[in-house]
C-alpha atoms as a PDB file:
ATOM      1  CA  MET A   1       0.000   0.000   0.000  1.00  0.00           C
ATOM      2  CA  SER A   2       1.421   3.389  -0.974  1.00  0.00           C
ATOM      3  CA  ALA A   3       1.555   6.501   1.204  1.00  0.00           C
ATOM      4  CA  THR A   4      -1.137   8.135  -0.958  1.00  0.00           C
ATOM      5  CA  ASP A   5      -3.431   5.116  -0.423  1.00  0.00           C
ATOM      6  CA  THR A   6      -2.833   5.224   3.337  1.00  0.00           C
ATOM      7  CA  PHE A   7      -3.378   8.996   3.367  1.00  0.00           C
ATOM      8  CA  GLY A   8      -6.718   8.685   1.572  1.00  0.00           C
ATOM      9  CA  ILE A   9      -7.917   5.750   3.638  1.00  0.00           C
ATOM     10  CA  ARG A  10      -7.099   7.516   6.894  1.00  0.00           C
ATOM     11  CA  VAL A  11      -8.689  10.782   5.729  1.00  0.00           C
ATOM     12  CA  ARG A  12     -11.918   8.916   4.942  1.00  0.00           C
ATOM     13  CA  GLN A  13     -11.848   6.981   8.237  1.00  0.00           C
ATOM     14  CA  LEU A  14     -11.303  10.113  10.301  1.00  0.00           C
ATOM     15  CA  ARG A  15     -13.786  12.190   8.311  1.00  0.00           C
ATOM     16  CA  THR A  16     -16.535   9.650   8.831  1.00  0.00           C
ATOM     17  CA  ALA A  17     -15.566   9.043  12.482  1.00  0.00           C
ATOM     18  CA  ASN A  18     -15.880  12.802  13.031  1.00  0.00           C
ATOM     19  CA  ARG A  19     -19.217  12.774  11.182  1.00  0.00           C
ATOM     20  CA  LEU A  20     -17.998  15.226   8.574  1.00  0.00           C
ATOM     21  CA  THR A  21     -19.328  15.282   5.043  1.00  0.00           C
ATOM     22  CA  LEU A  22     -17.051  15.700   2.049  1.00  0.00           C
ATOM     23  CA  ASP A  23     -18.423  19.235   1.737  1.00  0.00           C
ATOM     24  CA  GLN A  24     -17.638  20.074   5.351  1.00  0.00           C
ATOM     25  CA  LEU A  25     -14.053  18.802   5.190  1.00  0.00           C
ATOM     26  CA  ALA A  26     -13.571  20.574   1.879  1.00  0.00           C
ATOM     27  CA  GLU A  27     -14.773  23.852   3.375  1.00  0.00           C
ATOM     28  CA  MET A  28     -12.583  23.436   6.469  1.00  0.00           C
ATOM     29  CA  THR A  29      -9.491  22.911   4.311  1.00  0.00           C
ATOM     30  CA  GLY A  30     -10.123  25.338   1.476  1.00  0.00           C
ATOM     31  CA  SER A  31     -10.587  22.484  -0.992  1.00  0.00           C
ATOM     32  CA  SER A  32     -13.315  21.296  -3.289  1.00  0.00           C
ATOM     33  CA  LYS A  33     -15.564  18.354  -2.505  1.00  0.00           C
ATOM     34  CA  SER A  34     -14.275  16.540  -5.587  1.00  0.00           C
ATOM     35  CA  TYR A  35     -10.648  17.045  -4.489  1.00  0.00           C
ATOM     36  CA  ILE A  36     -11.338  15.520  -1.058  1.00  0.00           C
ATOM     37  CA  TRP A  37     -13.131  12.631  -2.791  1.00  0.00           C
ATOM     38  CA  GLU A  38     -10.110  12.106  -5.067  1.00  0.00           C
ATOM     39  CA  ILE A  39      -7.780  12.041  -2.051  1.00  0.00           C
ATOM     40  CA  GLU A  40      -9.984   9.519  -0.258  1.00  0.00           C
ATOM     41  CA  SER A  41     -10.167   7.395  -3.412  1.00  0.00           C
ATOM     42  CA  GLY A  42      -6.365   7.316  -3.714  1.00  0.00           C
ATOM     43  CA  LYS A  43      -6.310   9.018  -7.107  1.00  0.00           C
ATOM     44  CA  GLU A  44      -2.735   9.731  -8.220  1.00  0.00           C
ATOM     45  CA  SER A  45      -3.857  13.131  -9.505  1.00  0.00           C
ATOM     46  CA  ALA A  46      -4.801  14.158  -5.953  1.00  0.00           C
ATOM     47  CA  ARG A  47      -1.383  14.630  -4.413  1.00  0.00           C
ATOM     48  CA  PRO A  48      -1.830  17.269  -1.730  1.00  0.00           C
ATOM     49  CA  SER A  49       0.819  19.896  -1.208  1.00  0.00           C
ATOM     50  CA  ALA A  50       2.440  20.077   2.214  1.00  0.00           C
ATOM     51  CA  MET A  51       0.157  22.992   3.118  1.00  0.00           C
ATOM     52  CA  LYS A  52      -2.977  21.140   1.982  1.00  0.00           C
ATOM     53  CA  ALA A  53      -1.917  18.010   3.901  1.00  0.00           C
ATOM     54  CA  TYR A  54      -1.344  20.185   6.980  1.00  0.00           C
ATOM     55  CA  ARG A  55      -4.822  21.727   6.635  1.00  0.00           C
ATOM     56  CA  ILE A  56      -6.440  18.318   6.279  1.00  0.00           C
ATOM     57  CA  ALA A  57      -4.516  16.908   9.254  1.00  0.00           C
ATOM     58  CA  SER A  58      -5.407  19.960  11.350  1.00  0.00           C
ATOM     59  CA  ALA A  59      -9.080  19.722  10.438  1.00  0.00           C
ATOM     60  CA  LEU A  60      -9.081  16.044  11.415  1.00  0.00           C
ATOM     61  CA  ARG A  61      -7.005  16.770  14.549  1.00  0.00           C
ATOM     62  CA  VAL A  62      -4.129  14.416  13.759  1.00  0.00           C
ATOM     63  CA  THR A  63      -0.584  14.777  12.467  1.00  0.00           C
ATOM     64  CA  ILE A  64       0.459  14.543   8.837  1.00  0.00           C
ATOM     65  CA  GLU A  65       2.654  11.604   9.859  1.00  0.00           C
ATOM     66  CA  TYR A  66      -0.424   9.720  11.029  1.00  0.00           C
ATOM     67  CA  LEU A  67      -2.253  10.369   7.760  1.00  0.00           C
ATOM     68  CA  LEU A  68       0.771   9.175   5.776  1.00  0.00           C
ATOM     69  CA  GLY A  69       1.081   6.002   7.821  1.00  0.00           C
ATOM     70  CA  VAL A  70       4.521   6.961   9.133  1.00  0.00           C
ATOM     71  CA  ASP A  71       3.183   7.022  12.683  1.00  0.00           C
ATOM     72  CA  ASP A  72       0.281   4.879  13.876  1.00  0.00           C
ATOM     73  CA  CYS A  73      -0.355   7.069  16.901  1.00  0.00           C
ATOM     74  CA  LYS A  74      -3.233   9.510  16.428  1.00  0.00           C
ATOM     75  CA  SER A  75      -1.433  12.325  18.196  1.00  0.00           C
ATOM     76  CA  THR A  76      -2.447  15.898  17.567  1.00  0.00           C
ATOM     77  CA  ALA A  77      -0.352  19.008  17.174  1.00  0.00           C
ATOM     78  CA  SER A  78      -1.309  20.011  20.728  1.00  0.00           C
ATOM     79  CA  ASP A  79      -0.183  16.577  22.008  1.00  0.00           C
ATOM     80  CA  GLU A  80       3.165  17.032  20.317  1.00  0.00           C
ATOM     81  CA  ALA A  81       3.481  20.589  21.597  1.00  0.00           C
ATOM     82  CA  PHE A  82       2.835  19.360  25.153  1.00  0.00           C
ATOM     83  CA  ILE A  83       5.409  16.607  24.831  1.00  0.00           C
ATOM     84  CA  ASN A  84       8.055  18.799  23.196  1.00  0.00           C
ATOM     85  CA  HIS A  85       7.578  22.034  25.095  1.00  0.00           C
ATOM     86  CA  VAL A  86       6.376  20.905  28.511  1.00  0.00           C
ATOM     87  CA  TYR A  87       7.086  17.264  29.276  1.00  0.00           C
ATOM     88  CA  LEU A  88      10.551  16.958  27.720  1.00  0.00           C
ATOM     89  CA  LYS A  89      11.684  20.180  29.403  1.00  0.00           C
ATOM     90  CA  ALA A  90      10.412  19.152  32.848  1.00  0.00           C
ATOM     91  CA  ASP A  91      12.734  17.809  35.521  1.00  0.00           C
ATOM     92  CA  GLU A  92      12.707  14.084  36.267  1.00  0.00           C
ATOM     93  CA  ASN A  93      10.479  14.460  39.341  1.00  0.00           C
ATOM     94  CA  ILE A  94       7.730  16.143  37.275  1.00  0.00           C
ATOM     95  CA  LYS A  95       8.070  13.533  34.515  1.00  0.00           C
ATOM     96  CA  ARG A  96       7.701  10.751  37.103  1.00  0.00           C
ATOM     97  CA  GLN A  97       4.564  12.402  38.501  1.00  0.00           C
ATOM     98  CA  VAL A  98       3.051  12.819  35.031  1.00  0.00           C
ATOM     99  CA  ARG A  99       3.694   9.125  34.290  1.00  0.00           C
ATOM    100  CA  GLN A 100       2.086   8.127  37.597  1.00  0.00           C
ATOM    101  CA  ILE A 101      -0.987  10.245  36.858  1.00  0.00           C
ATOM    102  CA  ALA A 102      -1.235   8.738  33.376  1.00  0.00           C
ATOM    103  CA  ASP A 103      -0.976   5.219  34.829  1.00  0.00           C
ATOM    104  CA  VAL A 104      -3.821   5.945  37.261  1.00  0.00           C
ATOM    105  CA  LEU A 105      -6.017   7.387  34.503  1.00  0.00           C
ATOM    106  CA  ILE A 106      -5.329   4.500  32.130  1.00  0.00           C
ATOM    107  CA  ASN A 107      -5.951   1.849  34.804  1.00  0.00           C
ATOM    108  CA  THR A 108      -9.173   3.585  35.885  1.00  0.00           C
ATOM    109  CA  LYS A 109     -10.607   3.233  32.360  1.00  0.00           C
ATOM    110  CA  ARG A 110     -10.065  -0.556  32.271  1.00  0.00           C
END
């Protein structure tokens, strides 16, 4: 499966999971309905520019890497900003506390 196939499949999955129509996603990204359909269908002619891919990823609240299949984690730009600008810069004691809180929250959901 090519990156363009993965991109289109994931765009369609996320669009429908977010209950967005083709028209709505097109409007959110400054695209046409037919262009979004072409992307979802894996058409070779629908190769989004970096800016268009960024707009689509932002509208669907995931990273471009996720849409391309490079990363299977559905992280968002705000997740990455938190990790890069808060968590990674924190001292080890804070990191330990954040991990403990995450463990409690994850185990509570089970």
